[in-house]
Amino acid sequence: MVGVYAVARNVWATKGEEQEAAKKEFIEILKVLEGELGDKPYFGGETFGLTDISLIGYYCWFYAYEKFGNFSIESECPKLIAWVKWCMEKESVSKSLTDPHTVYDFVLGMKKRLGLE
């Protein structure tokens, strides 16, 4: 199985059929996570734990994936985005993550450096 990073990278680094396949696989990965989350506020249940800490850092990349892939993670995985919003209410989380627009600008620069425009 291809790693999550490689799949997510292909959402912004490819075009056409390859990008469509990457988007589909990325959304499938997010849906698996959403299934594990279920109706709980956090992956471990009622308390913010290690799994949440491990995963919330990916949120700052979502905007870039959505913009380059032309899709909405919230419409595909609403429970996962509800979890993100729940996590972002914690000051320790909201103050720790990079602004999604900064990540988007970084990805734009990467695309230029790699000749992927």
PDB file of N, CA and C in Angstrom:
ATOM      1  N   MET A   1       0.839  -1.187   0.000  1.00  0.00           N
ATOM      2  CA  MET A   1       0.000   0.000   0.000  1.00  0.00           C
ATOM      3  C   MET A   1       0.884   1.249   0.000  1.00  0.00           C
ATOM      4  N   VAL A   2       0.508   2.187  -0.790  1.00  0.00           N
ATOM      5  CA  VAL A   2       1.226   3.447  -0.865  1.00  0.00           C
ATOM      6  C   VAL A   2       0.952   4.237   0.413  1.00  0.00           C
ATOM      7  N   GLY A   3       1.945   4.936   0.921  1.00  0.00           N
ATOM      8  CA  GLY A   3       1.789   5.709   2.141  1.00  0.00           C
ATOM      9  C   GLY A   3       0.859   6.899   1.957  1.00  0.00           C
ATOM     10  N   VAL A   4       0.313   7.354   3.063  1.00  0.00           N
ATOM     11  CA  VAL A   4      -0.611   8.490   3.056  1.00  0.00           C
ATOM     12  C   VAL A   4       0.072   9.720   2.462  1.00  0.00           C
ATOM     13  N   TYR A   5       1.329   9.935   2.818  1.00  0.00           N
ATOM     14  CA  TYR A   5       2.032  11.110   2.301  1.00  0.00           C
ATOM     15  C   TYR A   5       2.091  11.085   0.776  1.00  0.00           C
ATOM     16  N   ALA A   6       2.438   9.924   0.213  1.00  0.00           N
ATOM     17  CA  ALA A   6       2.559   9.822  -1.244  1.00  0.00           C
ATOM     18  C   ALA A   6       1.221  10.060  -1.922  1.00  0.00           C
ATOM     19  N   VAL A   7       0.168   9.528  -1.354  1.00  0.00           N
ATOM     20  CA  VAL A   7      -1.173   9.726  -1.920  1.00  0.00           C
ATOM     21  C   VAL A   7      -1.544  11.199  -1.843  1.00  0.00           C
ATOM     22  N   ALA A   8      -1.380  11.804  -0.671  1.00  0.00           N
ATOM     23  CA  ALA A   8      -1.734  13.209  -0.489  1.00  0.00           C
ATOM     24  C   ALA A   8      -0.871  14.107  -1.377  1.00  0.00           C
ATOM     25  N   ARG A   9       0.393  13.775  -1.523  1.00  0.00           N
ATOM     26  CA  ARG A   9       1.284  14.560  -2.381  1.00  0.00           C
ATOM     27  C   ARG A   9       0.775  14.543  -3.816  1.00  0.00           C
ATOM     28  N   ASN A  10       0.306  13.401  -4.259  1.00  0.00           N
ATOM     29  CA  ASN A  10      -0.188  13.298  -5.632  1.00  0.00           C
ATOM     30  C   ASN A  10      -1.462  14.109  -5.869  1.00  0.00           C
ATOM     31  N   VAL A  11      -2.139  14.490  -4.817  1.00  0.00           N
ATOM     32  CA  VAL A  11      -3.307  15.368  -4.981  1.00  0.00           C
ATOM     33  C   VAL A  11      -2.858  16.721  -5.512  1.00  0.00           C
ATOM     34  N   TRP A  12      -1.704  17.214  -5.040  1.00  0.00           N
ATOM     35  CA  TRP A  12      -1.237  18.528  -5.508  1.00  0.00           C
ATOM     36  C   TRP A  12      -0.150  18.449  -6.577  1.00  0.00           C
ATOM     37  N   ALA A  13       0.503  17.299  -6.703  1.00  0.00           N
ATOM     38  CA  ALA A  13       1.654  17.218  -7.603  1.00  0.00           C
ATOM     39  C   ALA A  13       1.342  16.584  -8.956  1.00  0.00           C
ATOM     40  N   THR A  14       0.106  16.159  -9.174  1.00  0.00           N
ATOM     41  CA  THR A  14      -0.239  15.514 -10.439  1.00  0.00           C
ATOM     42  C   THR A  14      -1.459  16.193 -11.040  1.00  0.00           C
ATOM     43  N   LYS A  15      -1.807  15.748 -12.229  1.00  0.00           N
ATOM     44  CA  LYS A  15      -2.983  16.277 -12.918  1.00  0.00           C
ATOM     45  C   LYS A  15      -3.734  15.122 -13.568  1.00  0.00           C
ATOM     46  N   GLY A  16      -4.914  15.433 -14.063  1.00  0.00           N
ATOM     47  CA  GLY A  16      -5.667  14.469 -14.850  1.00  0.00           C
ATOM     48  C   GLY A  16      -6.060  13.219 -14.093  1.00  0.00           C
ATOM     49  N   GLU A  17      -5.959  12.092 -14.770  1.00  0.00           N
ATOM     50  CA  GLU A  17      -6.385  10.810 -14.201  1.00  0.00           C
ATOM     51  C   GLU A  17      -5.584  10.437 -12.957  1.00  0.00           C
ATOM     52  N   GLU A  18      -4.297  10.734 -12.979  1.00  0.00           N
ATOM     53  CA  GLU A  18      -3.462  10.409 -11.819  1.00  0.00           C
ATOM     54  C   GLU A  18      -3.922  11.195 -10.588  1.00  0.00           C
ATOM     55  N   GLN A  19      -4.244  12.478 -10.782  1.00  0.00           N
ATOM     56  CA  GLN A  19      -4.737  13.287  -9.674  1.00  0.00           C
ATOM     57  C   GLN A  19      -6.095  12.789  -9.197  1.00  0.00           C
ATOM     58  N   GLU A  20      -6.977  12.438 -10.126  1.00  0.00           N
ATOM     59  CA  GLU A  20      -8.294  11.925  -9.750  1.00  0.00           C
ATOM     60  C   GLU A  20      -8.166  10.646  -8.928  1.00  0.00           C
ATOM     61  N   ALA A  21      -7.255   9.768  -9.321  1.00  0.00           N
ATOM     62  CA  ALA A  21      -7.024   8.535  -8.560  1.00  0.00           C
ATOM     63  C   ALA A  21      -6.479   8.848  -7.170  1.00  0.00           C
ATOM     64  N   ALA A  22      -5.572   9.824  -7.090  1.00  0.00           N
ATOM     65  CA  ALA A  22      -5.007  10.216  -5.793  1.00  0.00           C
ATOM     66  C   ALA A  22      -6.089  10.815  -4.893  1.00  0.00           C
ATOM     67  N   LYS A  23      -6.939  11.667  -5.457  1.00  0.00           N
ATOM     68  CA  LYS A  23      -8.033  12.251  -4.660  1.00  0.00           C
ATOM     69  C   LYS A  23      -8.934  11.160  -4.115  1.00  0.00           C
ATOM     70  N   LYS A  24      -9.289  10.214  -4.962  1.00  0.00           N
ATOM     71  CA  LYS A  24     -10.176   9.129  -4.546  1.00  0.00           C
ATOM     72  C   LYS A  24      -9.532   8.317  -3.417  1.00  0.00           C
ATOM     73  N   GLU A  25      -8.263   7.974  -3.577  1.00  0.00           N
ATOM     74  CA  GLU A  25      -7.573   7.192  -2.554  1.00  0.00           C
ATOM     75  C   GLU A  25      -7.409   7.991  -1.263  1.00  0.00           C
ATOM     76  N   PHE A  26      -7.104   9.279  -1.375  1.00  0.00           N
ATOM     77  CA  PHE A  26      -6.956  10.139  -0.200  1.00  0.00           C
ATOM     78  C   PHE A  26      -8.277  10.219   0.561  1.00  0.00           C
ATOM     79  N   ILE A  27      -9.360  10.414  -0.150  1.00  0.00           N
ATOM     80  CA  ILE A  27     -10.676  10.485   0.501  1.00  0.00           C
ATOM     81  C   ILE A  27     -11.011   9.146   1.161  1.00  0.00           C
ATOM     82  N   GLU A  28     -10.660   8.051   0.522  1.00  0.00           N
ATOM     83  CA  GLU A  28     -10.891   6.736   1.126  1.00  0.00           C
ATOM     84  C   GLU A  28     -10.127   6.593   2.440  1.00  0.00           C
ATOM     85  N   ILE A  29      -8.899   7.080   2.476  1.00  0.00           N
ATOM     86  CA  ILE A  29      -8.094   7.051   3.703  1.00  0.00           C
ATOM     87  C   ILE A  29      -8.777   7.879   4.783  1.00  0.00           C
ATOM     88  N   LEU A  30      -9.230   9.076   4.412  1.00  0.00           N
ATOM     89  CA  LEU A  30      -9.907   9.937   5.388  1.00  0.00           C
ATOM     90  C   LEU A  30     -11.193   9.294   5.891  1.00  0.00           C
ATOM     91  N   LYS A  31     -11.888   8.591   5.022  1.00  0.00           N
ATOM     92  CA  LYS A  31     -13.133   7.912   5.434  1.00  0.00           C
ATOM     93  C   LYS A  31     -12.844   6.769   6.409  1.00  0.00           C
ATOM     94  N   VAL A  32     -11.710   6.098   6.237  1.00  0.00           N
ATOM     95  CA  VAL A  32     -11.321   5.071   7.206  1.00  0.00           C
ATOM     96  C   VAL A  32     -11.094   5.725   8.567  1.00  0.00           C
ATOM     97  N   LEU A  33     -10.383   6.844   8.575  1.00  0.00           N
ATOM     98  CA  LEU A  33     -10.167   7.568   9.832  1.00  0.00           C
ATOM     99  C   LEU A  33     -11.498   8.003  10.441  1.00  0.00           C
ATOM    100  N   GLU A  34     -12.376   8.510   9.595  1.00  0.00           N
ATOM    101  CA  GLU A  34     -13.688   8.950  10.055  1.00  0.00           C
ATOM    102  C   GLU A  34     -14.466   7.773  10.662  1.00  0.00           C
ATOM    103  N   GLY A  35     -14.352   6.609  10.055  1.00  0.00           N
ATOM    104  CA  GLY A  35     -15.003   5.421  10.592  1.00  0.00           C
ATOM    105  C   GLY A  35     -14.454   5.040  11.959  1.00  0.00           C
ATOM    106  N   GLU A  36     -13.145   5.165  12.133  1.00  0.00           N
ATOM    107  CA  GLU A  36     -12.527   4.882  13.428  1.00  0.00           C
ATOM    108  C   GLU A  36     -12.972   5.891  14.484  1.00  0.00           C
ATOM    109  N   LEU A  37     -13.155   7.123  14.066  1.00  0.00           N
ATOM    110  CA  LEU A  37     -13.614   8.165  14.985  1.00  0.00           C
ATOM    111  C   LEU A  37     -15.043   7.896  15.434  1.00  0.00           C
ATOM    112  N   GLY A  38     -15.868   7.457  14.491  1.00  0.00           N
ATOM    113  CA  GLY A  38     -17.265   7.174  14.823  1.00  0.00           C
ATOM    114  C   GLY A  38     -17.986   8.418  15.313  1.00  0.00           C
ATOM    115  N   ASP A  39     -18.738   8.270  16.368  1.00  0.00           N
ATOM    116  CA  ASP A  39     -19.496   9.395  16.938  1.00  0.00           C
ATOM    117  C   ASP A  39     -18.812   9.986  18.157  1.00  0.00           C
ATOM    118  N   LYS A  40     -17.568   9.612  18.389  1.00  0.00           N
ATOM    119  CA  LYS A  40     -16.833  10.110  19.546  1.00  0.00           C
ATOM    120  C   LYS A  40     -16.256  11.497  19.224  1.00  0.00           C
ATOM    121  N   PRO A  41     -16.086  12.336  20.229  1.00  0.00           N
ATOM    122  CA  PRO A  41     -15.464  13.640  19.970  1.00  0.00           C
ATOM    123  C   PRO A  41     -13.974  13.521  19.635  1.00  0.00           C
ATOM    124  N   TYR A  42     -13.314  12.504  20.189  1.00  0.00           N
ATOM    125  CA  TYR A  42     -11.891  12.284  19.946  1.00  0.00           C
ATOM    126  C   TYR A  42     -11.675  10.807  19.615  1.00  0.00           C
ATOM    127  N   PHE A  43     -10.541  10.497  19.029  1.00  0.00           N
ATOM    128  CA  PHE A  43     -10.279   9.113  18.635  1.00  0.00           C
ATOM    129  C   PHE A  43     -10.250   8.170  19.838  1.00  0.00           C
ATOM    130  N   GLY A  44      -9.827   8.675  20.990  1.00  0.00           N
ATOM    131  CA  GLY A  44      -9.786   7.843  22.183  1.00  0.00           C
ATOM    132  C   GLY A  44     -11.070   7.870  22.992  1.00  0.00           C
ATOM    133  N   GLY A  45     -12.053   8.582  22.535  1.00  0.00           N
ATOM    134  CA  GLY A  45     -13.317   8.679  23.275  1.00  0.00           C
ATOM    135  C   GLY A  45     -13.621  10.109  23.661  1.00  0.00           C
ATOM    136  N   GLU A  46     -13.762  10.329  24.950  1.00  0.00           N
ATOM    137  CA  GLU A  46     -14.149  11.644  25.454  1.00  0.00           C
ATOM    138  C   GLU A  46     -12.962  12.557  25.724  1.00  0.00           C
ATOM    139  N   THR A  47     -11.756  12.019  25.677  1.00  0.00           N
ATOM    140  CA  THR A  47     -10.583  12.829  25.988  1.00  0.00           C
ATOM    141  C   THR A  47      -9.628  12.910  24.801  1.00  0.00           C
ATOM    142  N   PHE A  48      -9.006  14.055  24.670  1.00  0.00           N
ATOM    143  CA  PHE A  48      -8.011  14.325  23.645  1.00  0.00           C
ATOM    144  C   PHE A  48      -6.764  13.516  23.977  1.00  0.00           C
ATOM    145  N   GLY A  49      -6.324  12.674  23.036  1.00  0.00           N
ATOM    146  CA  GLY A  49      -5.202  11.799  23.344  1.00  0.00           C
ATOM    147  C   GLY A  49      -4.148  11.737  22.267  1.00  0.00           C
ATOM    148  N   LEU A  50      -3.302  10.736  22.373  1.00  0.00           N
ATOM    149  CA  LEU A  50      -2.145  10.593  21.506  1.00  0.00           C
ATOM    150  C   LEU A  50      -2.516  10.466  20.029  1.00  0.00           C
ATOM    151  N   THR A  51      -3.560   9.719  19.722  1.00  0.00           N
ATOM    152  CA  THR A  51      -3.972   9.575  18.322  1.00  0.00           C
ATOM    153  C   THR A  51      -4.399  10.918  17.754  1.00  0.00           C
ATOM    154  N   ASP A  52      -5.141  11.688  18.545  1.00  0.00           N
ATOM    155  CA  ASP A  52      -5.572  13.021  18.100  1.00  0.00           C
ATOM    156  C   ASP A  52      -4.360  13.919  17.863  1.00  0.00           C
ATOM    157  N   ILE A  53      -3.417  13.876  18.782  1.00  0.00           N
ATOM    158  CA  ILE A  53      -2.203  14.686  18.643  1.00  0.00           C
ATOM    159  C   ILE A  53      -1.449  14.293  17.369  1.00  0.00           C
ATOM    160  N   SER A  54      -1.385  12.986  17.107  1.00  0.00           N
ATOM    161  CA  SER A  54      -0.659  12.489  15.933  1.00  0.00           C
ATOM    162  C   SER A  54      -1.309  12.907  14.625  1.00  0.00           C
ATOM    163  N   LEU A  55      -2.632  13.011  14.608  1.00  0.00           N
ATOM    164  CA  LEU A  55      -3.349  13.270  13.360  1.00  0.00           C
ATOM    165  C   LEU A  55      -3.688  14.740  13.094  1.00  0.00           C
ATOM    166  N   ILE A  56      -3.858  15.524  14.124  1.00  0.00           N
ATOM    167  CA  ILE A  56      -4.351  16.899  13.914  1.00  0.00           C
ATOM    168  C   ILE A  56      -3.372  17.749  13.102  1.00  0.00           C
ATOM    169  N   GLY A  57      -2.107  17.431  13.143  1.00  0.00           N
ATOM    170  CA  GLY A  57      -1.120  18.187  12.371  1.00  0.00           C
ATOM    171  C   GLY A  57      -1.364  18.152  10.860  1.00  0.00           C
ATOM    172  N   TYR A  58      -2.034  17.108  10.390  1.00  0.00           N
ATOM    173  CA  TYR A  58      -2.342  17.012   8.957  1.00  0.00           C
ATOM    174  C   TYR A  58      -3.397  18.030   8.532  1.00  0.00           C
ATOM    175  N   TYR A  59      -4.150  18.526   9.493  1.00  0.00           N
ATOM    176  CA  TYR A  59      -5.224  19.459   9.152  1.00  0.00           C
ATOM    177  C   TYR A  59      -4.707  20.688   8.394  1.00  0.00           C
ATOM    178  N   CYS A  60      -3.566  21.205   8.752  1.00  0.00           N
ATOM    179  CA  CYS A  60      -3.075  22.424   8.107  1.00  0.00           C
ATOM    180  C   CYS A  60      -2.773  22.211   6.617  1.00  0.00           C
ATOM    181  N   TRP A  61      -2.703  20.981   6.168  1.00  0.00           N
ATOM    182  CA  TRP A  61      -2.496  20.667   4.752  1.00  0.00           C
ATOM    183  C   TRP A  61      -3.811  20.537   3.987  1.00  0.00           C
ATOM    184  N   PHE A  62      -4.925  20.394   4.682  1.00  0.00           N
ATOM    185  CA  PHE A  62      -6.209  20.141   4.022  1.00  0.00           C
ATOM    186  C   PHE A  62      -6.563  21.224   2.999  1.00  0.00           C
ATOM    187  N   TYR A  63      -6.333  22.479   3.351  1.00  0.00           N
ATOM    188  CA  TYR A  63      -6.681  23.582   2.442  1.00  0.00           C
ATOM    189  C   TYR A  63      -5.937  23.429   1.116  1.00  0.00           C
ATOM    190  N   ALA A  64      -4.661  23.106   1.174  1.00  0.00           N
ATOM    191  CA  ALA A  64      -3.871  22.943  -0.061  1.00  0.00           C
ATOM    192  C   ALA A  64      -4.403  21.773  -0.881  1.00  0.00           C
ATOM    193  N   TYR A  65      -4.691  20.667  -0.232  1.00  0.00           N
ATOM    194  CA  TYR A  65      -5.230  19.512  -0.958  1.00  0.00           C
ATOM    195  C   TYR A  65      -6.546  19.864  -1.635  1.00  0.00           C
ATOM    196  N   GLU A  66      -7.390  20.571  -0.907  1.00  0.00           N
ATOM    197  CA  GLU A  66      -8.697  20.954  -1.460  1.00  0.00           C
ATOM    198  C   GLU A  66      -8.549  21.904  -2.645  1.00  0.00           C
ATOM    199  N   LYS A  67      -7.680  22.886  -2.510  1.00  0.00           N
ATOM    200  CA  LYS A  67      -7.505  23.873  -3.586  1.00  0.00           C
ATOM    201  C   LYS A  67      -6.921  23.225  -4.841  1.00  0.00           C
ATOM    202  N   PHE A  68      -5.859  22.459  -4.681  1.00  0.00           N
ATOM    203  CA  PHE A  68      -5.223  21.850  -5.847  1.00  0.00           C
ATOM    204  C   PHE A  68      -6.045  20.704  -6.416  1.00  0.00           C
ATOM    205  N   GLY A  69      -6.783  20.008  -5.563  1.00  0.00           N
ATOM    206  CA  GLY A  69      -7.576  18.876  -6.015  1.00  0.00           C
ATOM    207  C   GLY A  69      -9.005  19.217  -6.367  1.00  0.00           C
ATOM    208  N   ASN A  70      -9.413  20.453  -6.058  1.00  0.00           N
ATOM    209  CA  ASN A  70     -10.762  20.923  -6.366  1.00  0.00           C
ATOM    210  C   ASN A  70     -11.837  19.999  -5.771  1.00  0.00           C
ATOM    211  N   PHE A  71     -11.766  19.826  -4.449  1.00  0.00           N
ATOM    212  CA  PHE A  71     -12.772  19.050  -3.736  1.00  0.00           C
ATOM    213  C   PHE A  71     -12.886  19.581  -2.317  1.00  0.00           C
ATOM    214  N   SER A  72     -13.874  19.119  -1.595  1.00  0.00           N
ATOM    215  CA  SER A  72     -14.117  19.561  -0.233  1.00  0.00           C
ATOM    216  C   SER A  72     -14.022  18.373   0.720  1.00  0.00           C
ATOM    217  N   ILE A  73     -13.079  18.432   1.617  1.00  0.00           N
ATOM    218  CA  ILE A  73     -12.960  17.371   2.616  1.00  0.00           C
ATOM    219  C   ILE A  73     -14.182  17.385   3.520  1.00  0.00           C
ATOM    220  N   GLU A  74     -14.679  18.561   3.833  1.00  0.00           N
ATOM    221  CA  GLU A  74     -15.852  18.636   4.715  1.00  0.00           C
ATOM    222  C   GLU A  74     -17.071  17.958   4.101  1.00  0.00           C
ATOM    223  N   SER A  75     -17.276  18.117   2.805  1.00  0.00           N
ATOM    224  CA  SER A  75     -18.434  17.468   2.189  1.00  0.00           C
ATOM    225  C   SER A  75     -18.239  15.959   2.085  1.00  0.00           C
ATOM    226  N   GLU A  76     -16.999  15.511   1.977  1.00  0.00           N
ATOM    227  CA  GLU A  76     -16.702  14.084   1.889  1.00  0.00           C
ATOM    228  C   GLU A  76     -16.643  13.411   3.261  1.00  0.00           C
ATOM    229  N   CYS A  77     -16.133  14.129   4.245  1.00  0.00           N
ATOM    230  CA  CYS A  77     -15.896  13.563   5.583  1.00  0.00           C
ATOM    231  C   CYS A  77     -16.303  14.558   6.669  1.00  0.00           C
ATOM    232  N   PRO A  78     -17.597  14.836   6.811  1.00  0.00           N
ATOM    233  CA  PRO A  78     -18.039  15.855   7.759  1.00  0.00           C
ATOM    234  C   PRO A  78     -17.691  15.544   9.220  1.00  0.00           C
ATOM    235  N   LYS A  79     -17.692  14.281   9.603  1.00  0.00           N
ATOM    236  CA  LYS A  79     -17.355  13.936  10.993  1.00  0.00           C
ATOM    237  C   LYS A  79     -15.890  14.221  11.278  1.00  0.00           C
ATOM    238  N   LEU A  80     -15.046  14.006  10.288  1.00  0.00           N
ATOM    239  CA  LEU A  80     -13.621  14.283  10.471  1.00  0.00           C
ATOM    240  C   LEU A  80     -13.390  15.782  10.647  1.00  0.00           C
ATOM    241  N   ILE A  81     -14.095  16.590   9.885  1.00  0.00           N
ATOM    242  CA  ILE A  81     -13.949  18.043  10.021  1.00  0.00           C
ATOM    243  C   ILE A  81     -14.558  18.521  11.337  1.00  0.00           C
ATOM    244  N   ALA A  82     -15.624  17.879  11.797  1.00  0.00           N
ATOM    245  CA  ALA A  82     -16.184  18.217  13.115  1.00  0.00           C
ATOM    246  C   ALA A  82     -15.129  17.922  14.193  1.00  0.00           C
ATOM    247  N   TRP A  83     -14.408  16.803  14.037  1.00  0.00           N
ATOM    248  CA  TRP A  83     -13.322  16.475  14.966  1.00  0.00           C
ATOM    249  C   TRP A  83     -12.235  17.553  14.923  1.00  0.00           C
ATOM    250  N   VAL A  84     -11.880  18.003  13.700  1.00  0.00           N
ATOM    251  CA  VAL A  84     -10.876  19.065  13.568  1.00  0.00           C
ATOM    252  C   VAL A  84     -11.323  20.308  14.335  1.00  0.00           C
ATOM    253  N   LYS A  85     -12.562  20.703  14.137  1.00  0.00           N
ATOM    254  CA  LYS A  85     -13.085  21.901  14.809  1.00  0.00           C
ATOM    255  C   LYS A  85     -13.068  21.723  16.316  1.00  0.00           C
ATOM    256  N   TRP A  86     -13.386  20.527  16.771  1.00  0.00           N
ATOM    257  CA  TRP A  86     -13.374  20.215  18.199  1.00  0.00           C
ATOM    258  C   TRP A  86     -11.950  20.343  18.739  1.00  0.00           C
ATOM    259  N   CYS A  87     -10.992  19.798  18.007  1.00  0.00           N
ATOM    260  CA  CYS A  87      -9.588  19.879  18.415  1.00  0.00           C
ATOM    261  C   CYS A  87      -9.088  21.322  18.412  1.00  0.00           C
ATOM    262  N   MET A  88      -9.495  22.089  17.421  1.00  0.00           N
ATOM    263  CA  MET A  88      -9.025  23.470  17.287  1.00  0.00           C
ATOM    264  C   MET A  88      -9.546  24.372  18.395  1.00  0.00           C
ATOM    265  N   GLU A  89     -10.550  23.917  19.121  1.00  0.00           N
ATOM    266  CA  GLU A  89     -11.021  24.689  20.273  1.00  0.00           C
ATOM    267  C   GLU A  89     -10.005  24.667  21.409  1.00  0.00           C
ATOM    268  N   LYS A  90      -9.102  23.725  21.373  1.00  0.00           N
ATOM    269  CA  LYS A  90      -8.044  23.654  22.379  1.00  0.00           C
ATOM    270  C   LYS A  90      -6.955  24.655  21.989  1.00  0.00           C
ATOM    271  N   GLU A  91      -6.653  25.546  22.887  1.00  0.00           N
ATOM    272  CA  GLU A  91      -5.646  26.570  22.613  1.00  0.00           C
ATOM    273  C   GLU A  91      -4.297  25.948  22.277  1.00  0.00           C
ATOM    274  N   SER A  92      -3.966  24.846  22.942  1.00  0.00           N
ATOM    275  CA  SER A  92      -2.685  24.181  22.682  1.00  0.00           C
ATOM    276  C   SER A  92      -2.604  23.687  21.236  1.00  0.00           C
ATOM    277  N   VAL A  93      -3.733  23.349  20.647  1.00  0.00           N
ATOM    278  CA  VAL A  93      -3.765  22.891  19.258  1.00  0.00           C
ATOM    279  C   VAL A  93      -3.773  24.095  18.316  1.00  0.00           C
ATOM    280  N   SER A  94      -4.706  24.993  18.537  1.00  0.00           N
ATOM    281  CA  SER A  94      -4.872  26.112  17.604  1.00  0.00           C
ATOM    282  C   SER A  94      -3.615  26.985  17.519  1.00  0.00           C
ATOM    283  N   LYS A  95      -2.872  27.104  18.607  1.00  0.00           N
ATOM    284  CA  LYS A  95      -1.657  27.922  18.593  1.00  0.00           C
ATOM    285  C   LYS A  95      -0.440  27.166  18.066  1.00  0.00           C
ATOM    286  N   SER A  96      -0.571  25.855  17.909  1.00  0.00           N
ATOM    287  CA  SER A  96       0.570  25.035  17.494  1.00  0.00           C
ATOM    288  C   SER A  96       0.642  24.786  15.989  1.00  0.00           C
ATOM    289  N   LEU A  97      -0.506  24.834  15.335  1.00  0.00           N
ATOM    290  CA  LEU A  97      -0.543  24.460  13.919  1.00  0.00           C
ATOM    291  C   LEU A  97      -0.205  25.635  13.000  1.00  0.00           C
ATOM    292  N   THR A  98       0.439  25.313  11.917  1.00  0.00           N
ATOM    293  CA  THR A  98       0.742  26.302  10.889  1.00  0.00           C
ATOM    294  C   THR A  98      -0.547  26.712  10.195  1.00  0.00           C
ATOM    295  N   ASP A  99      -0.654  27.968   9.831  1.00  0.00           N
ATOM    296  CA  ASP A  99      -1.830  28.459   9.122  1.00  0.00           C
ATOM    297  C   ASP A  99      -1.952  27.724   7.779  1.00  0.00           C
ATOM    298  N   PRO A 100      -3.138  27.213   7.445  1.00  0.00           N
ATOM    299  CA  PRO A 100      -3.319  26.488   6.191  1.00  0.00           C
ATOM    300  C   PRO A 100      -2.934  27.285   4.946  1.00  0.00           C
ATOM    301  N   HIS A 101      -3.096  28.594   4.975  1.00  0.00           N
ATOM    302  CA  HIS A 101      -2.725  29.418   3.816  1.00  0.00           C
ATOM    303  C   HIS A 101      -1.202  29.473   3.643  1.00  0.00           C
ATOM    304  N   THR A 102      -0.474  29.405   4.752  1.00  0.00           N
ATOM    305  CA  THR A 102       0.979  29.345   4.699  1.00  0.00           C
ATOM    306  C   THR A 102       1.430  28.036   4.057  1.00  0.00           C
ATOM    307  N   VAL A 103       0.755  26.953   4.412  1.00  0.00           N
ATOM    308  CA  VAL A 103       1.072  25.653   3.808  1.00  0.00           C
ATOM    309  C   VAL A 103       0.762  25.690   2.317  1.00  0.00           C
ATOM    310  N   TYR A 104      -0.366  26.285   1.947  1.00  0.00           N
ATOM    311  CA  TYR A 104      -0.726  26.408   0.529  1.00  0.00           C
ATOM    312  C   TYR A 104       0.362  27.173  -0.237  1.00  0.00           C
ATOM    313  N   ASP A 105       0.825  28.283   0.328  1.00  0.00           N
ATOM    314  CA  ASP A 105       1.892  29.055  -0.314  1.00  0.00           C
ATOM    315  C   ASP A 105       3.178  28.231  -0.435  1.00  0.00           C
ATOM    316  N   PHE A 106       3.472  27.442   0.585  1.00  0.00           N
ATOM    317  CA  PHE A 106       4.637  26.552   0.547  1.00  0.00           C
ATOM    318  C   PHE A 106       4.505  25.556  -0.603  1.00  0.00           C
ATOM    319  N   VAL A 107       3.313  24.968  -0.746  1.00  0.00           N
ATOM    320  CA  VAL A 107       3.087  23.991  -1.812  1.00  0.00           C
ATOM    321  C   VAL A 107       3.204  24.661  -3.180  1.00  0.00           C
ATOM    322  N   LEU A 108       2.704  25.883  -3.308  1.00  0.00           N
ATOM    323  CA  LEU A 108       2.874  26.625  -4.567  1.00  0.00           C
ATOM    324  C   LEU A 108       4.351  26.749  -4.912  1.00  0.00           C
ATOM    325  N   GLY A 109       5.154  27.101  -3.922  1.00  0.00           N
ATOM    326  CA  GLY A 109       6.595  27.211  -4.134  1.00  0.00           C
ATOM    327  C   GLY A 109       7.222  25.879  -4.510  1.00  0.00           C
ATOM    328  N   MET A 110       6.773  24.815  -3.858  1.00  0.00           N
ATOM    329  CA  MET A 110       7.286  23.477  -4.186  1.00  0.00           C
ATOM    330  C   MET A 110       6.951  23.108  -5.629  1.00  0.00           C
ATOM    331  N   LYS A 111       5.729  23.400  -6.047  1.00  0.00           N
ATOM    332  CA  LYS A 111       5.326  23.087  -7.415  1.00  0.00           C
ATOM    333  C   LYS A 111       6.223  23.817  -8.417  1.00  0.00           C
ATOM    334  N   LYS A 112       6.538  25.081  -8.124  1.00  0.00           N
ATOM    335  CA  LYS A 112       7.414  25.849  -9.005  1.00  0.00           C
ATOM    336  C   LYS A 112       8.811  25.254  -9.045  1.00  0.00           C
ATOM    337  N   ARG A 113       9.369  24.971  -7.856  1.00  0.00           N
ATOM    338  CA  ARG A 113      10.727  24.406  -7.787  1.00  0.00           C
ATOM    339  C   ARG A 113      10.827  23.057  -8.483  1.00  0.00           C
ATOM    340  N   LEU A 114       9.745  22.283  -8.413  1.00  0.00           N
ATOM    341  CA  LEU A 114       9.750  20.954  -9.022  1.00  0.00           C
ATOM    342  C   LEU A 114       9.284  20.952 -10.472  1.00  0.00           C
ATOM    343  N   GLY A 115       8.901  22.142 -10.978  1.00  0.00           N
ATOM    344  CA  GLY A 115       8.440  22.244 -12.357  1.00  0.00           C
ATOM    345  C   GLY A 115       7.101  21.578 -12.590  1.00  0.00           C
ATOM    346  N   LEU A 116       6.212  21.653 -11.620  1.00  0.00           N
ATOM    347  CA  LEU A 116       4.917  20.982 -11.689  1.00  0.00           C
ATOM    348  C   LEU A 116       3.760  21.925 -11.988  1.00  0.00           C
ATOM    349  N   GLU A 117       4.057  23.078 -12.475  1.00  0.00           N
ATOM    350  CA  GLU A 117       2.993  24.055 -12.741  1.00  0.00           C
ATOM    351  C   GLU A 117       2.237  23.712 -13.998  1.00  0.00           C
TER     352      GLU A 117
END
